[in-house]
All heavy atoms as atom14 arrays in JSON, in Angstrom:
{
  "sequence": "AEGIKEGRFRKFDVKDLITALNGIIHAHAV",
  "atom14_mask": [
    [1, 1, 1, 1, 1, 0, 0, 0, 0, 0, 0, 0, 0, 0],
    [1, 1, 1, 1, 1, 1, 1, 1, 1, 0, 0, 0, 0, 0],
    [1, 1, 1, 1, 0, 0, 0, 0, 0, 0, 0, 0, 0, 0],
    [1, 1, 1, 1, 1, 1, 1, 1, 0, 0, 0, 0, 0, 0],
    [1, 1, 1, 1, 1, 1, 1, 1, 1, 0, 0, 0, 0, 0],
    [1, 1, 1, 1, 1, 1, 1, 1, 1, 0, 0, 0, 0, 0],
    [1, 1, 1, 1, 0, 0, 0, 0, 0, 0, 0, 0, 0, 0],
    [1, 1, 1, 1, 1, 1, 1, 1, 1, 1, 1, 0, 0, 0],
    [1, 1, 1, 1, 1, 1, 1, 1, 1, 1, 1, 0, 0, 0],
    [1, 1, 1, 1, 1, 1, 1, 1, 1, 1, 1, 0, 0, 0],
    [1, 1, 1, 1, 1, 1, 1, 1, 1, 0, 0, 0, 0, 0],
    [1, 1, 1, 1, 1, 1, 1, 1, 1, 1, 1, 0, 0, 0],
    [1, 1, 1, 1, 1, 1, 1, 1, 0, 0, 0, 0, 0, 0],
    [1, 1, 1, 1, 1, 1, 1, 0, 0, 0, 0, 0, 0, 0],
    [1, 1, 1, 1, 1, 1, 1, 1, 1, 0, 0, 0, 0, 0],
    [1, 1, 1, 1, 1, 1, 1, 1, 0, 0, 0, 0, 0, 0],
    [1, 1, 1, 1, 1, 1, 1, 1, 0, 0, 0, 0, 0, 0],
    [1, 1, 1, 1, 1, 1, 1, 1, 0, 0, 0, 0, 0, 0],
    [1, 1, 1, 1, 1, 1, 1, 0, 0, 0, 0, 0, 0, 0],
    [1, 1, 1, 1, 1, 0, 0, 0, 0, 0, 0, 0, 0, 0],
    [1, 1, 1, 1, 1, 1, 1, 1, 0, 0, 0, 0, 0, 0],
    [1, 1, 1, 1, 1, 1, 1, 1, 0, 0, 0, 0, 0, 0],
    [1, 1, 1, 1, 0, 0, 0, 0, 0, 0, 0, 0, 0, 0],
    [1, 1, 1, 1, 1, 1, 1, 1, 0, 0, 0, 0, 0, 0],
    [1, 1, 1, 1, 1, 1, 1, 1, 0, 0, 0, 0, 0, 0],
    [1, 1, 1, 1, 1, 1, 1, 1, 1, 1, 0, 0, 0, 0],
    [1, 1, 1, 1, 1, 0, 0, 0, 0, 0, 0, 0, 0, 0],
    [1, 1, 1, 1, 1, 1, 1, 1, 1, 1, 0, 0, 0, 0],
    [1, 1, 1, 1, 1, 0, 0, 0, 0, 0, 0, 0, 0, 0],
    [1, 1, 1, 1, 1, 1, 1, 0, 0, 0, 0, 0, 0, 0]
  ],
  "atom14_positions": [
    [[-29.98, -33.06, 11.14], [-30.47, -34.4, 10.95], [-31.76, -34.42, 10.19], [-32.07, -35.27, 9.29], [-30.68, -35.05, 12.38], [0.0, 0.0, 0.0], [0.0, 0.0, 0.0], [0.0, 0.0, 0.0], [0.0, 0.0, 0.0], [0.0, 0.0, 0.0], [0.0, 0.0, 0.0], [0.0, 0.0, 0.0], [0.0, 0.0, 0.0], [0.0, 0.0, 0.0]],
    [[-32.62, -33.41, 10.54], [-33.87, -33.29, 9.83], [-33.68, -33.0, 8.36], [-34.37, -33.6, 7.5], [-34.73, -32.14, 10.5], [-36.09, -31.93, 9.87], [-36.78, -30.7, 10.49], [-36.34, -30.15, 11.47], [-37.9, -30.32, 9.95], [0.0, 0.0, 0.0], [0.0, 0.0, 0.0], [0.0, 0.0, 0.0], [0.0, 0.0, 0.0], [0.0, 0.0, 0.0]],
    [[-32.79, -32.07, 8.06], [-32.5, -31.76, 6.73], [-31.95, -32.81, 5.81], [-32.29, -33.01, 4.66], [0.0, 0.0, 0.0], [0.0, 0.0, 0.0], [0.0, 0.0, 0.0], [0.0, 0.0, 0.0], [0.0, 0.0, 0.0], [0.0, 0.0, 0.0], [0.0, 0.0, 0.0], [0.0, 0.0, 0.0], [0.0, 0.0, 0.0], [0.0, 0.0, 0.0]],
    [[-31.12, -33.63, 6.51], [-30.52, -34.82, 5.78], [-31.63, -35.89, 5.59], [-31.71, -36.42, 4.42], [-29.41, -35.49, 6.61], [-28.2, -34.44, 6.67], [-28.92, -36.75, 6.07], [-27.12, -34.86, 7.62], [0.0, 0.0, 0.0], [0.0, 0.0, 0.0], [0.0, 0.0, 0.0], [0.0, 0.0, 0.0], [0.0, 0.0, 0.0], [0.0, 0.0, 0.0]],
    [[-32.42, -36.07, 6.54], [-33.56, -37.05, 6.42], [-34.54, -36.67, 5.3], [-35.02, -37.52, 4.54], [-34.26, -37.16, 7.77], [-35.4, -38.19, 7.73], [-36.04, -38.3, 9.03], [-37.13, -39.38, 9.16], [-37.81, -39.48, 10.51], [0.0, 0.0, 0.0], [0.0, 0.0, 0.0], [0.0, 0.0, 0.0], [0.0, 0.0, 0.0], [0.0, 0.0, 0.0]],
    [[-34.83, -35.38, 5.17], [-35.77, -34.86, 4.18], [-35.09, -34.75, 2.81], [-35.8, -34.5, 1.8], [-36.31, -33.53, 4.55], [-37.18, -33.6, 5.84], [-37.69, -32.19, 6.2], [-37.25, -31.18, 5.63], [-38.55, -32.08, 7.12], [0.0, 0.0, 0.0], [0.0, 0.0, 0.0], [0.0, 0.0, 0.0], [0.0, 0.0, 0.0], [0.0, 0.0, 0.0]],
    [[-33.75, -34.96, 2.77], [-33.12, -34.84, 1.47], [-32.79, -33.45, 1.09], [-32.44, -33.19, -0.09], [0.0, 0.0, 0.0], [0.0, 0.0, 0.0], [0.0, 0.0, 0.0], [0.0, 0.0, 0.0], [0.0, 0.0, 0.0], [0.0, 0.0, 0.0], [0.0, 0.0, 0.0], [0.0, 0.0, 0.0], [0.0, 0.0, 0.0], [0.0, 0.0, 0.0]],
    [[-32.88, -32.55, 1.96], [-32.62, -31.13, 1.72], [-31.12, -30.81, 1.83], [-30.58, -29.88, 1.22], [-33.42, -30.24, 2.57], [-34.96, -30.43, 2.5], [-35.73, -29.49, 3.28], [-35.7, -28.12, 2.64], [-36.63, -27.79, 1.76], [-37.48, -28.64, 1.36], [-36.55, -26.57, 1.25], [0.0, 0.0, 0.0], [0.0, 0.0, 0.0], [0.0, 0.0, 0.0]],
    [[-30.46, -31.59, 2.72], [-28.98, -31.39, 2.96], [-28.22, -32.67, 2.49], [-28.75, -33.75, 2.6], [-28.74, -31.14, 4.44], [-29.34, -29.91, 5.07], [-29.51, -29.79, 6.43], [-29.66, -28.81, 4.26], [-30.07, -28.66, 7.0], [-30.22, -27.7, 4.74], [-30.42, -27.58, 6.14], [0.0, 0.0, 0.0], [0.0, 0.0, 0.0], [0.0, 0.0, 0.0]],
    [[-27.02, -32.4, 2.09], [-26.17, -33.59, 1.73], [-25.78, -34.35, 3.0], [-25.83, -33.82, 4.09], [-24.91, -33.06, 1.06], [-25.17, -32.44, -0.34], [-24.05, -31.6, -0.8], [-22.82, -32.47, -1.07], [-21.71, -31.97, -1.41], [-21.48, -30.65, -1.53], [-20.69, -32.79, -1.67], [0.0, 0.0, 0.0], [0.0, 0.0, 0.0], [0.0, 0.0, 0.0]],
    [[-25.41, -35.59, 2.78], [-25.19, -36.55, 3.94], [-23.79, -36.34, 4.51], [-22.99, -37.28, 4.3], [-25.44, -37.97, 3.48], [-26.89, -38.22, 3.2], [-27.1, -39.71, 2.88], [-28.6, -40.02, 2.54], [-28.87, -41.39, 2.22], [0.0, 0.0, 0.0], [0.0, 0.0, 0.0], [0.0, 0.0, 0.0], [0.0, 0.0, 0.0], [0.0, 0.0, 0.0]],
    [[-23.6, -35.27, 5.17], [-22.28, -35.09, 5.93], [-22.58, -35.45, 7.38], [-23.72, -35.52, 7.81], [-21.92, -33.58, 5.9], [-21.4, -33.14, 4.56], [-22.07, -32.21, 3.78], [-20.16, -33.6, 4.01], [-21.6, -31.75, 2.55], [-19.73, -33.25, 2.8], [-20.41, -32.28, 2.09], [0.0, 0.0, 0.0], [0.0, 0.0, 0.0], [0.0, 0.0, 0.0]],
    [[-21.43, -35.71, 8.09], [-21.56, -36.02, 9.53], [-22.15, -34.78, 10.2], [-21.62, -33.66, 10.01], [-20.2, -36.31, 10.07], [-20.17, -36.76, 11.47], [-20.66, -35.98, 12.41], [-19.78, -37.92, 11.77], [0.0, 0.0, 0.0], [0.0, 0.0, 0.0], [0.0, 0.0, 0.0], [0.0, 0.0, 0.0], [0.0, 0.0, 0.0], [0.0, 0.0, 0.0]],
    [[-23.2, -34.96, 10.99], [-23.88, -33.85, 11.73], [-22.9, -33.11, 12.61], [-23.01, -31.87, 12.62], [-25.07, -34.42, 12.53], [-25.64, -33.3, 13.43], [-26.14, -34.89, 11.59], [0.0, 0.0, 0.0], [0.0, 0.0, 0.0], [0.0, 0.0, 0.0], [0.0, 0.0, 0.0], [0.0, 0.0, 0.0], [0.0, 0.0, 0.0], [0.0, 0.0, 0.0]],
    [[-22.02, -33.77, 13.28], [-21.0, -33.06, 14.11], [-20.11, -32.16, 13.32], [-19.8, -31.05, 13.71], [-20.18, -34.12, 14.87], [-20.9, -34.9, 15.9], [-20.02, -35.88, 16.64], [-20.84, -36.65, 17.68], [-19.93, -37.64, 18.39], [0.0, 0.0, 0.0], [0.0, 0.0, 0.0], [0.0, 0.0, 0.0], [0.0, 0.0, 0.0], [0.0, 0.0, 0.0]],
    [[-19.78, -32.56, 12.06], [-19.0, -31.72, 11.19], [-19.71, -30.45, 10.78], [-19.19, -29.38, 10.69], [-18.45, -32.5, 9.97], [-17.46, -33.6, 10.33], [-16.78, -33.44, 11.36], [-17.36, -34.55, 9.53], [0.0, 0.0, 0.0], [0.0, 0.0, 0.0], [0.0, 0.0, 0.0], [0.0, 0.0, 0.0], [0.0, 0.0, 0.0], [0.0, 0.0, 0.0]],
    [[-21.0, -30.69, 10.51], [-21.87, -29.53, 10.1], [-22.0, -28.52, 11.19], [-21.92, -27.34, 10.94], [-23.22, -30.05, 9.63], [-23.25, -30.87, 8.34], [-24.59, -31.5, 8.07], [-22.86, -30.05, 7.14], [0.0, 0.0, 0.0], [0.0, 0.0, 0.0], [0.0, 0.0, 0.0], [0.0, 0.0, 0.0], [0.0, 0.0, 0.0], [0.0, 0.0, 0.0]],
    [[-22.19, -29.02, 12.4], [-22.33, -28.15, 13.54], [-21.03, -27.31, 13.73], [-21.07, -26.1, 14.0], [-22.63, -28.92, 14.86], [-23.98, -29.68, 14.72], [-22.62, -28.04, 16.11], [-24.29, -30.63, 15.85], [0.0, 0.0, 0.0], [0.0, 0.0, 0.0], [0.0, 0.0, 0.0], [0.0, 0.0, 0.0], [0.0, 0.0, 0.0], [0.0, 0.0, 0.0]],
    [[-19.89, -28.03, 13.65], [-18.63, -27.39, 13.82], [-18.46, -26.3, 12.77], [-17.88, -25.22, 13.03], [-17.5, -28.44, 13.75], [-17.66, -29.37, 14.81], [-16.11, -27.78, 13.93], [0.0, 0.0, 0.0], [0.0, 0.0, 0.0], [0.0, 0.0, 0.0], [0.0, 0.0, 0.0], [0.0, 0.0, 0.0], [0.0, 0.0, 0.0], [0.0, 0.0, 0.0]],
    [[-18.75, -26.66, 11.53], [-18.58, -25.66, 10.39], [-19.44, -24.46, 10.6], [-19.0, -23.33, 10.41], [-18.94, -26.41, 9.09], [0.0, 0.0, 0.0], [0.0, 0.0, 0.0], [0.0, 0.0, 0.0], [0.0, 0.0, 0.0], [0.0, 0.0, 0.0], [0.0, 0.0, 0.0], [0.0, 0.0, 0.0], [0.0, 0.0, 0.0], [0.0, 0.0, 0.0]],
    [[-20.68, -24.68, 10.99], [-21.61, -23.53, 11.22], [-21.13, -22.7, 12.4], [-21.02, -21.41, 12.24], [-23.01, -24.05, 11.57], [-24.06, -22.99, 11.91], [-24.29, -22.11, 10.59], [-25.39, -23.6, 12.28], [0.0, 0.0, 0.0], [0.0, 0.0, 0.0], [0.0, 0.0, 0.0], [0.0, 0.0, 0.0], [0.0, 0.0, 0.0], [0.0, 0.0, 0.0]],
    [[-20.72, -23.26, 13.48], [-20.3, -22.5, 14.65], [-18.98, -21.77, 14.3], [-18.82, -20.61, 14.69], [-19.92, -23.44, 15.81], [-21.24, -23.94, 16.49], [-22.29, -23.54, 16.18], [-21.07, -24.97, 17.31], [0.0, 0.0, 0.0], [0.0, 0.0, 0.0], [0.0, 0.0, 0.0], [0.0, 0.0, 0.0], [0.0, 0.0, 0.0], [0.0, 0.0, 0.0]],
    [[-18.08, -22.37, 13.52], [-16.9, -21.83, 13.13], [-17.05, -20.48, 12.29], [-16.46, -19.48, 12.58], [0.0, 0.0, 0.0], [0.0, 0.0, 0.0], [0.0, 0.0, 0.0], [0.0, 0.0, 0.0], [0.0, 0.0, 0.0], [0.0, 0.0, 0.0], [0.0, 0.0, 0.0], [0.0, 0.0, 0.0], [0.0, 0.0, 0.0], [0.0, 0.0, 0.0]],
    [[-17.91, -20.51, 11.31], [-18.11, -19.4, 10.45], [-18.82, -18.29, 11.22], [-18.52, -17.11, 10.98], [-18.88, -19.76, 9.19], [-18.78, -18.69, 8.12], [-20.36, -20.07, 9.46], [-19.27, -19.03, 6.76], [0.0, 0.0, 0.0], [0.0, 0.0, 0.0], [0.0, 0.0, 0.0], [0.0, 0.0, 0.0], [0.0, 0.0, 0.0], [0.0, 0.0, 0.0]],
    [[-19.75, -18.63, 12.08], [-20.45, -17.51, 12.89], [-19.44, -16.88, 13.86], [-19.3, -15.63, 13.92], [-21.56, -18.09, 13.7], [-22.68, -18.63, 12.78], [-22.16, -17.11, 14.63], [-23.81, -19.43, 13.46], [0.0, 0.0, 0.0], [0.0, 0.0, 0.0], [0.0, 0.0, 0.0], [0.0, 0.0, 0.0], [0.0, 0.0, 0.0], [0.0, 0.0, 0.0]],
    [[-18.8, -17.69, 14.66], [-17.96, -17.14, 15.72], [-16.66, -16.56, 15.27], [-16.16, -15.6, 15.92], [-17.67, -18.23, 16.75], [-18.93, -18.83, 17.41], [-19.91, -18.0, 17.97], [-19.36, -20.1, 17.53], [-20.9, -18.69, 18.38], [-20.59, -20.02, 18.11], [0.0, 0.0, 0.0], [0.0, 0.0, 0.0], [0.0, 0.0, 0.0], [0.0, 0.0, 0.0]],
    [[-16.18, -17.04, 14.08], [-14.98, -16.4, 13.53], [-15.28, -14.91, 13.1], [-14.44, -14.01, 13.33], [-14.47, -17.17, 12.39], [0.0, 0.0, 0.0], [0.0, 0.0, 0.0], [0.0, 0.0, 0.0], [0.0, 0.0, 0.0], [0.0, 0.0, 0.0], [0.0, 0.0, 0.0], [0.0, 0.0, 0.0], [0.0, 0.0, 0.0], [0.0, 0.0, 0.0]],
    [[-16.48, -14.75, 12.52], [-16.84, -13.31, 12.18], [-16.92, -12.49, 13.42], [-16.45, -11.3, 13.47], [-18.24, -13.3, 11.47], [-18.14, -13.47, 10.01], [-17.87, -14.61, 9.39], [-18.26, -12.56, 9.03], [-17.85, -14.44, 8.12], [-18.15, -13.19, 7.85], [0.0, 0.0, 0.0], [0.0, 0.0, 0.0], [0.0, 0.0, 0.0], [0.0, 0.0, 0.0]],
    [[-17.52, -13.03, 14.5], [-17.64, -12.25, 15.75], [-16.35, -11.94, 16.41], [-16.14, -10.79, 16.78], [-18.57, -13.05, 16.71], [0.0, 0.0, 0.0], [0.0, 0.0, 0.0], [0.0, 0.0, 0.0], [0.0, 0.0, 0.0], [0.0, 0.0, 0.0], [0.0, 0.0, 0.0], [0.0, 0.0, 0.0], [0.0, 0.0, 0.0], [0.0, 0.0, 0.0]],
    [[-15.47, -12.93, 16.44], [-14.14, -12.76, 17.08], [-13.39, -11.68, 16.29], [-12.77, -10.79, 16.94], [-13.35, -14.07, 17.07], [-11.89, -13.82, 17.48], [-13.97, -15.05, 17.98], [0.0, 0.0, 0.0], [0.0, 0.0, 0.0], [0.0, 0.0, 0.0], [0.0, 0.0, 0.0], [0.0, 0.0, 0.0], [0.0, 0.0, 0.0], [0.0, 0.0, 0.0]]
  ]
}
C-alpha cells in the first residue's frame, strides 16, 4: 500500500500482490 501510494509500485490489488509474493517464496521452499 505504501509503495503504491508513493508511486513506486504499479496499482495492483494489494491482496493479489501478497498472494503472488507468498506464492513465489513458499513454492521455492516446498
